[in-house]
Protein backbone atom coordinates (compact mmCIF):
# COMPACT_ATOMS: atom_id res chain seq x y z
CA MET A 1 101.58 113.30 104.87
CA GLY A 2 98.52 111.40 103.69
CA ILE A 3 96.39 108.87 105.53
CA ARG A 4 98.77 106.40 107.18
CA VAL A 5 97.92 102.79 106.32
CA ALA A 6 99.37 99.41 107.25
CA VAL A 7 98.83 95.88 105.96
CA ALA A 8 98.95 92.78 108.17
CA GLY A 9 99.42 89.56 106.21
CA ALA A 10 101.24 91.35 103.42
CA SER A 11 103.15 88.29 102.18
CA GLY A 12 100.06 86.54 100.78
CA TYR A 13 98.42 87.03 97.40
CA ALA A 14 95.70 89.35 98.70
CA GLY A 15 98.27 91.20 100.80
CA GLY A 16 100.51 91.70 97.78
CA GLU A 17 97.61 93.03 95.73
CA LEU A 18 96.80 95.42 98.57
CA LEU A 19 100.38 96.69 98.55
CA ARG A 20 100.20 97.25 94.80
CA LEU A 21 96.97 99.25 95.04
CA LEU A 22 98.03 101.23 98.10
CA ALA A 23 101.42 102.14 96.61
CA GLY A 24 99.59 103.93 93.79
CA HIS A 25 96.79 105.42 95.87
CA PRO A 26 96.63 109.25 95.80
CA GLU A 27 95.65 109.64 99.47
CA PHE A 28 96.93 106.59 101.35
CA ASP A 29 100.51 106.52 102.61
CA LEU A 30 101.75 102.95 103.07
CA VAL A 31 103.83 103.01 106.27
CA ALA A 32 104.00 99.38 107.41
CA ALA A 33 103.54 95.84 106.14
CA THR A 34 103.77 92.76 108.34
CA ALA A 35 103.99 89.01 107.88
CA HIS A 36 104.68 85.85 109.87
CA SER A 37 107.28 83.52 108.35
CA GLN A 38 108.46 86.18 105.88
CA ALA A 39 109.09 88.86 108.52
CA GLY A 40 112.44 90.57 107.97
CA GLN A 41 112.32 90.11 104.20
CA PRO A 42 112.13 93.06 101.82
CA VAL A 43 108.71 93.31 100.21
CA THR A 44 110.34 92.90 96.80
CA ALA A 45 111.84 89.53 97.80
CA VAL A 46 108.30 88.21 98.35
CA HIS A 47 106.50 90.25 95.69
CA PRO A 48 108.95 90.87 92.80
CA GLN A 49 106.18 92.65 90.86
CA LEU A 50 106.54 95.52 93.36
CA ALA A 51 110.13 96.40 92.43
CA GLY A 52 110.85 99.90 93.71
CA LEU A 53 108.66 99.61 96.82
CA ASP A 54 111.24 100.15 99.56
CA LEU A 55 109.63 98.43 102.53
CA VAL A 56 110.66 95.58 104.82
CA LEU A 57 108.08 93.15 106.20
CA GLY A 58 107.79 93.42 109.97
CA ALA A 59 106.47 90.96 112.51
CA THR A 60 102.70 90.84 112.86
CA ASP A 61 102.02 92.37 116.25
CA PRO A 62 99.82 95.27 117.38
CA ALA A 63 102.77 97.57 118.10
CA ALA A 64 103.86 97.47 114.45
CA LEU A 65 100.39 98.57 113.33
CA ALA A 66 99.10 100.87 116.07
CA ASP A 67 100.49 104.11 114.64
CA ALA A 68 98.51 103.78 111.41
CA ASP A 69 95.23 105.55 110.76
CA LEU A 70 93.96 102.47 108.94
CA VAL A 71 94.95 98.81 109.09
CA PHE A 72 94.06 96.16 106.52
CA LEU A 73 93.99 92.61 107.88
CA ALA A 74 94.79 90.08 105.15
CA LEU A 75 95.14 87.12 107.49
CA PRO A 76 93.85 83.54 107.39
CA HIS A 77 90.31 83.02 108.68
CA GLY A 78 90.21 82.98 112.47
CA GLN A 79 93.34 85.09 112.97
CA SER A 80 91.97 88.62 112.52
CA ALA A 81 89.81 88.98 115.61
CA ALA A 82 92.55 88.81 118.24
CA LEU A 83 94.78 91.25 116.40
CA ALA A 84 91.94 93.68 115.74
CA ALA A 85 90.94 93.62 119.42
CA ALA A 86 94.49 94.60 120.40
CA LEU A 87 94.54 97.70 118.18
CA PRO A 88 93.51 101.12 119.53
CA THR A 89 89.87 101.96 118.89
CA THR A 90 91.05 105.09 117.09
CA VAL A 91 92.56 102.93 114.33
CA LYS A 92 90.13 102.08 111.56
CA VAL A 93 90.26 98.47 110.36
CA VAL A 94 89.21 96.64 107.21
CA ASP A 95 89.29 92.86 107.63
CA LEU A 96 89.66 90.77 104.47
CA GLY A 97 89.11 87.59 106.50
CA ALA A 98 85.85 85.98 107.55
CA ASP A 99 86.07 86.64 111.29
CA HIS A 100 83.53 89.47 111.42
CA ARG A 101 81.26 88.84 108.40
CA LEU A 102 78.55 86.67 109.90
CA ARG A 103 75.87 88.04 112.22
CA ASP A 104 74.75 84.59 113.38
CA ALA A 105 77.06 83.00 115.98
CA ASP A 106 75.54 79.57 115.32
CA ALA A 107 76.33 79.89 111.60
CA TRP A 108 79.93 80.76 112.47
CA ALA A 109 80.23 77.73 114.73
CA ARG A 110 78.74 75.44 112.08
CA TRP A 111 80.78 76.63 109.10
CA TYR A 112 84.05 77.83 110.64
CA GLY A 113 84.18 76.52 114.22
CA GLY A 114 85.50 78.24 117.31
CA THR A 115 84.30 81.37 119.08
CA HIS A 116 82.31 83.94 117.14
CA ALA A 117 84.09 87.32 117.28
CA GLY A 118 80.99 89.39 116.53
CA ALA A 119 79.83 91.06 113.36
CA TRP A 120 81.20 94.29 111.88
CA THR A 121 79.65 96.46 109.19
CA TYR A 122 79.50 94.33 106.04
CA GLY A 123 81.78 95.68 103.33
CA LEU A 124 79.85 95.40 100.07
CA PRO A 125 79.06 99.00 99.04
CA GLU A 126 76.67 98.00 96.25
CA LEU A 127 74.10 96.58 98.66
CA PRO A 128 71.28 99.00 99.56
CA GLY A 129 72.29 101.32 102.38
CA GLN A 130 75.79 99.91 102.74
CA ARG A 131 77.70 102.90 101.38
CA THR A 132 76.31 105.03 104.18
CA ALA A 133 76.92 102.33 106.79
CA ILE A 134 80.52 101.76 105.65
CA ALA A 135 81.24 105.50 105.61
CA ALA A 136 80.15 105.74 109.25
CA ALA A 137 82.02 102.62 110.41
CA GLY A 138 85.36 102.28 112.13
CA ARG A 139 85.55 98.52 111.54
CA VAL A 140 84.44 96.88 108.29
CA ALA A 141 84.31 93.20 107.34
CA SER A 142 85.12 92.92 103.65
CA THR A 143 83.43 90.21 101.60
CA GLY A 144 84.47 86.73 100.61
CA CYS A 145 85.46 86.34 96.94
CA TYR A 146 82.76 83.83 95.97
CA ALA A 147 80.29 85.80 98.07
CA VAL A 148 80.71 89.06 96.18
CA ALA A 149 80.52 87.40 92.76
CA THR A 150 77.29 85.64 93.74
CA THR A 151 75.74 88.48 95.75
CA LEU A 152 76.09 91.07 93.00
CA ALA A 153 74.35 88.66 90.60
CA LEU A 154 71.56 87.61 92.95
CA ALA A 155 70.74 90.17 95.64
CA PRO A 156 68.87 92.70 93.45
CA LEU A 157 66.68 89.96 91.97
CA ILE A 158 65.61 88.67 95.39
CA ALA A 159 65.14 92.20 96.75
CA ALA A 160 62.90 93.10 93.80
CA GLY A 161 60.86 89.91 94.17
CA ALA A 162 61.87 88.85 90.68
CA VAL A 163 63.10 85.40 91.80
CA GLN A 164 62.33 83.05 94.66
CA SER A 165 64.68 83.04 97.63
CA THR A 166 64.57 79.24 97.66
CA ASP A 167 66.19 76.79 95.23
CA VAL A 168 69.10 79.05 94.28
CA VAL A 169 71.90 77.14 92.52
CA VAL A 170 75.44 78.49 92.06
CA VAL A 171 78.37 76.90 90.26
CA ALA A 172 81.50 79.05 90.42
CA ALA A 173 85.02 78.51 89.11
CA SER A 174 87.96 80.21 90.80
CA GLY A 175 91.62 80.68 90.06
CA THR A 176 94.21 79.06 92.30
CA SER A 177 95.19 82.28 94.10
CA GLY A 178 91.88 82.00 95.94
CA ALA A 179 93.37 79.11 97.90
CA GLY A 180 96.15 81.29 99.28
CA ARG A 181 99.92 81.12 98.94
CA ALA A 182 100.76 78.27 101.30
CA ALA A 183 102.33 75.27 99.59
CA LYS A 184 99.73 72.55 98.98
CA ALA A 185 100.17 69.44 96.86
CA HIS A 186 96.82 69.76 95.08
CA LEU A 187 97.77 73.28 93.93
CA LEU A 188 101.04 72.30 92.26
CA GLY A 189 101.19 73.28 88.61
CA SER A 190 101.32 69.65 87.51
CA GLU A 191 98.12 68.96 89.46
CA VAL A 192 96.17 72.01 88.31
CA MET A 193 97.09 72.39 84.65
CA GLY A 194 94.60 70.87 82.22
CA ASP A 195 92.16 70.08 85.01
CA LEU A 196 88.91 71.30 86.57
CA SER A 197 88.07 69.95 90.01
CA PRO A 198 85.18 70.64 92.39
CA TYR A 199 85.90 70.96 96.09
CA LYS A 200 83.96 71.48 99.34
CA VAL A 201 80.89 70.43 97.37
CA GLY A 202 77.74 71.24 99.31
CA ALA A 203 79.77 72.50 102.27
CA HIS A 204 81.64 75.69 101.34
CA GLN A 205 82.05 78.26 104.10
CA HIS A 206 80.81 81.16 101.95
CA VAL A 207 77.27 79.73 101.90
CA PRO A 208 76.04 81.46 105.11
CA GLU A 209 77.60 84.75 104.01
CA ILE A 210 75.88 84.58 100.62
CA LYS A 211 72.54 83.80 102.25
CA GLN A 212 72.97 86.65 104.72
CA ALA A 213 73.91 89.16 102.00
CA THR A 214 71.34 88.14 99.37
CA GLY A 215 68.31 87.04 101.36
CA ALA A 216 68.44 83.55 99.84
CA SER A 217 66.86 80.98 102.14
CA SER A 218 68.31 77.87 100.48
CA LEU A 219 71.41 77.65 98.34
CA SER A 220 73.23 74.87 96.52
CA PHE A 221 76.81 76.00 95.92
CA THR A 222 79.49 74.11 94.00
CA PRO A 223 82.97 75.71 93.79
CA VAL A 224 85.38 74.57 91.08
CA LEU A 225 89.16 75.02 91.00
CA ALA A 226 90.20 76.26 87.55
CA PRO A 227 93.68 76.18 85.97
CA MET A 228 94.24 79.97 86.07
CA PRO A 229 95.95 82.16 88.68
CA ARG A 230 93.11 84.62 89.28
CA GLY A 231 89.47 85.25 88.49
CA ILE A 232 86.01 83.92 89.40
CA LEU A 233 83.18 83.05 87.02
CA ALA A 234 79.92 82.38 88.86
CA THR A 235 76.78 81.03 87.21
CA VAL A 236 73.76 81.76 89.39
CA THR A 237 70.31 80.34 88.64
CA ALA A 238 67.00 80.94 90.41
CA VAL A 239 63.28 80.37 89.90
CA PRO A 240 61.44 83.46 88.60
CA THR A 241 58.31 84.69 90.37
CA GLY A 242 56.85 86.40 87.30
CA ASP A 243 57.89 87.77 83.95
CA ALA A 244 60.23 90.58 85.11
CA ASP A 245 63.29 90.98 82.87
CA PRO A 246 66.32 90.21 85.07
CA ARG A 247 68.44 92.58 82.98
CA ASP A 248 66.10 95.45 83.81
CA VAL A 249 66.34 94.65 87.52
CA LEU A 250 70.14 94.53 87.46
CA ALA A 251 70.40 97.68 85.34
CA ALA A 252 68.28 99.63 87.82
CA ALA A 253 70.18 98.29 90.84
CA TYR A 254 73.61 99.23 89.49
CA ALA A 255 72.87 102.40 87.54
CA ASP A 256 75.16 104.39 89.84
CA ALA A 257 77.67 101.66 90.73
CA PRO A 258 81.06 102.52 89.19
CA PHE A 259 82.45 99.00 89.39
CA VAL A 260 79.46 96.87 88.33
CA HIS A 261 78.88 96.60 84.60
CA LEU A 262 75.85 94.95 83.02
CA LEU A 263 77.17 93.92 79.61
CA PRO A 264 75.23 94.55 76.39
CA GLU A 265 72.67 91.88 75.65
CA GLY A 266 74.25 88.77 74.17
CA ARG A 267 77.77 89.52 75.46
CA TRP A 268 78.81 87.20 78.29
CA PRO A 269 81.33 87.84 81.09
CA HIS A 270 84.71 86.18 81.12
CA THR A 271 87.38 86.34 83.79
CA ALA A 272 90.23 87.72 81.66
CA ALA A 273 88.26 90.92 81.04
CA THR A 274 88.22 91.71 84.77
CA ALA A 275 91.85 90.78 85.54
CA GLY A 276 93.64 93.50 87.49
CA SER A 277 90.46 95.52 87.99
CA ASN A 278 87.95 96.13 90.76
CA SER A 279 85.04 95.57 88.40
CA CYS A 280 82.30 92.96 88.20
CA HIS A 281 80.82 92.05 84.81
CA LEU A 282 77.26 90.71 84.70
CA GLN A 283 74.92 89.22 82.13
CA ALA A 284 71.46 87.73 82.59
CA THR A 285 68.88 85.77 80.63
CA VAL A 286 66.00 83.33 81.09
CA ASP A 287 66.62 79.69 80.22
CA LEU A 288 64.48 78.74 77.23
CA ASP A 289 63.80 75.23 78.51
CA SER A 290 63.59 75.41 82.32
CA GLY A 291 62.47 79.02 82.61
CA ARG A 292 65.05 79.65 85.34
CA VAL A 293 66.77 83.01 85.54
CA ILE A 294 70.49 82.74 84.78
CA VAL A 295 73.01 85.40 85.80
CA VAL A 296 76.72 85.04 85.05
CA SER A 297 79.17 87.11 87.07
CA ALA A 298 82.91 87.61 86.52
CA ILE A 299 85.38 89.25 88.90
CA ASP A 300 89.08 89.21 89.71
CA ASN A 301 89.13 87.30 93.00
CA LEU A 302 92.11 89.38 94.17
CA GLY A 303 90.45 92.62 93.02
CA LYS A 304 86.72 92.99 93.67
CA GLY A 305 86.94 89.70 95.55
CA ALA A 306 89.61 90.85 98.02
CA ALA A 307 92.10 93.74 97.90
CA GLY A 308 90.18 96.05 95.57
CA GLN A 309 87.00 95.64 97.58
CA ALA A 310 88.93 96.41 100.78
CA VAL A 311 90.34 99.64 99.32
CA GLN A 312 86.88 100.59 98.03
CA ASN A 313 85.57 100.24 101.59
CA ALA A 314 88.49 102.23 103.00
CA ASN A 315 87.82 105.05 100.54
CA LEU A 316 84.29 105.34 101.88
CA MET A 317 85.48 105.20 105.49
CA PHE A 318 87.72 108.23 104.89
CA ASP A 319 85.22 110.19 102.78
CA LEU A 320 87.28 109.77 99.62
CA PRO A 321 85.89 109.18 96.13
CA GLU A 322 84.87 105.53 95.98
CA THR A 323 87.05 104.88 92.94
CA SER A 324 90.26 106.44 94.32
CA GLY A 325 93.30 104.32 93.51
CA LEU A 326 91.23 101.56 91.94
CA PRO A 327 91.30 100.40 88.31
CA VAL A 328 87.90 100.11 86.64
CA PHE A 329 89.31 98.48 83.51
CA GLY A 330 90.94 95.09 83.19
CA VAL A 331 94.30 94.20 81.67
CA ALA A 332 94.44 92.39 78.32
CA PRO A 333 95.64 90.24 76.74
């Protein structure tokens, strides 16, 4: 018997991607999956791509999860904290929601509302010192999807003093799966196809997380809904402090990172190349006219932006190879 794992919120897109990755993991044994409205349904009725996975969705309550060694929480923001608090302290937990990401209670109140549940170890292994911290943690808060795409592009540049921490501008396009699986009129195919639309302009909830993770002190963030099911393409610009080559800074920061790939000079990231993978593709240059540093980042929002990142964290928590059960390469065409 391997490491017993369970997934709460398994009927959603991130939950389904978790089930897919865990079903093929060499060390994790998927023993339970829970949902709310879909409880009682076979997993394959909700996720037909998982044909052959003989598992029925249970009700989301602590008793259904308490026998696992590890629980993944793939629940809507604000719903993880109560469930996590009801689990035995011996059960390790990776939360894909936002409940435990922010250290600042005032930032939580401003951007999410309600009571701050407290911060857990932040689950982005590529940040300095985080692999060690995650490996020692029993509870880990995995990243937001926009946050990881932006942080991997920006954090090394601020840490190296290559760009200013002020006047950071991010425009990022995301596939519709980032909005979750609940039926919403603005996500209907007829509404999304052939259209790009900004949303939560100047007020997206990932802003405080990005600032916390990168060291940015001011950030203008514009998210854009794109007519594709999955993927994020983030364009990050910042003011340089000198003449350091941003490619050199990124190359040094990610020399030993198995999932972060700085592309050859002149080759730019695109979302399709990361689909189905846990990888992030980066490219950087300096704008000829403004002089601003530009970094473009591509990820699969359900991979490195959600389920893949969560499994990467879990691997570290159980002293497994960081890449166990995770695809480095995308699926094409």
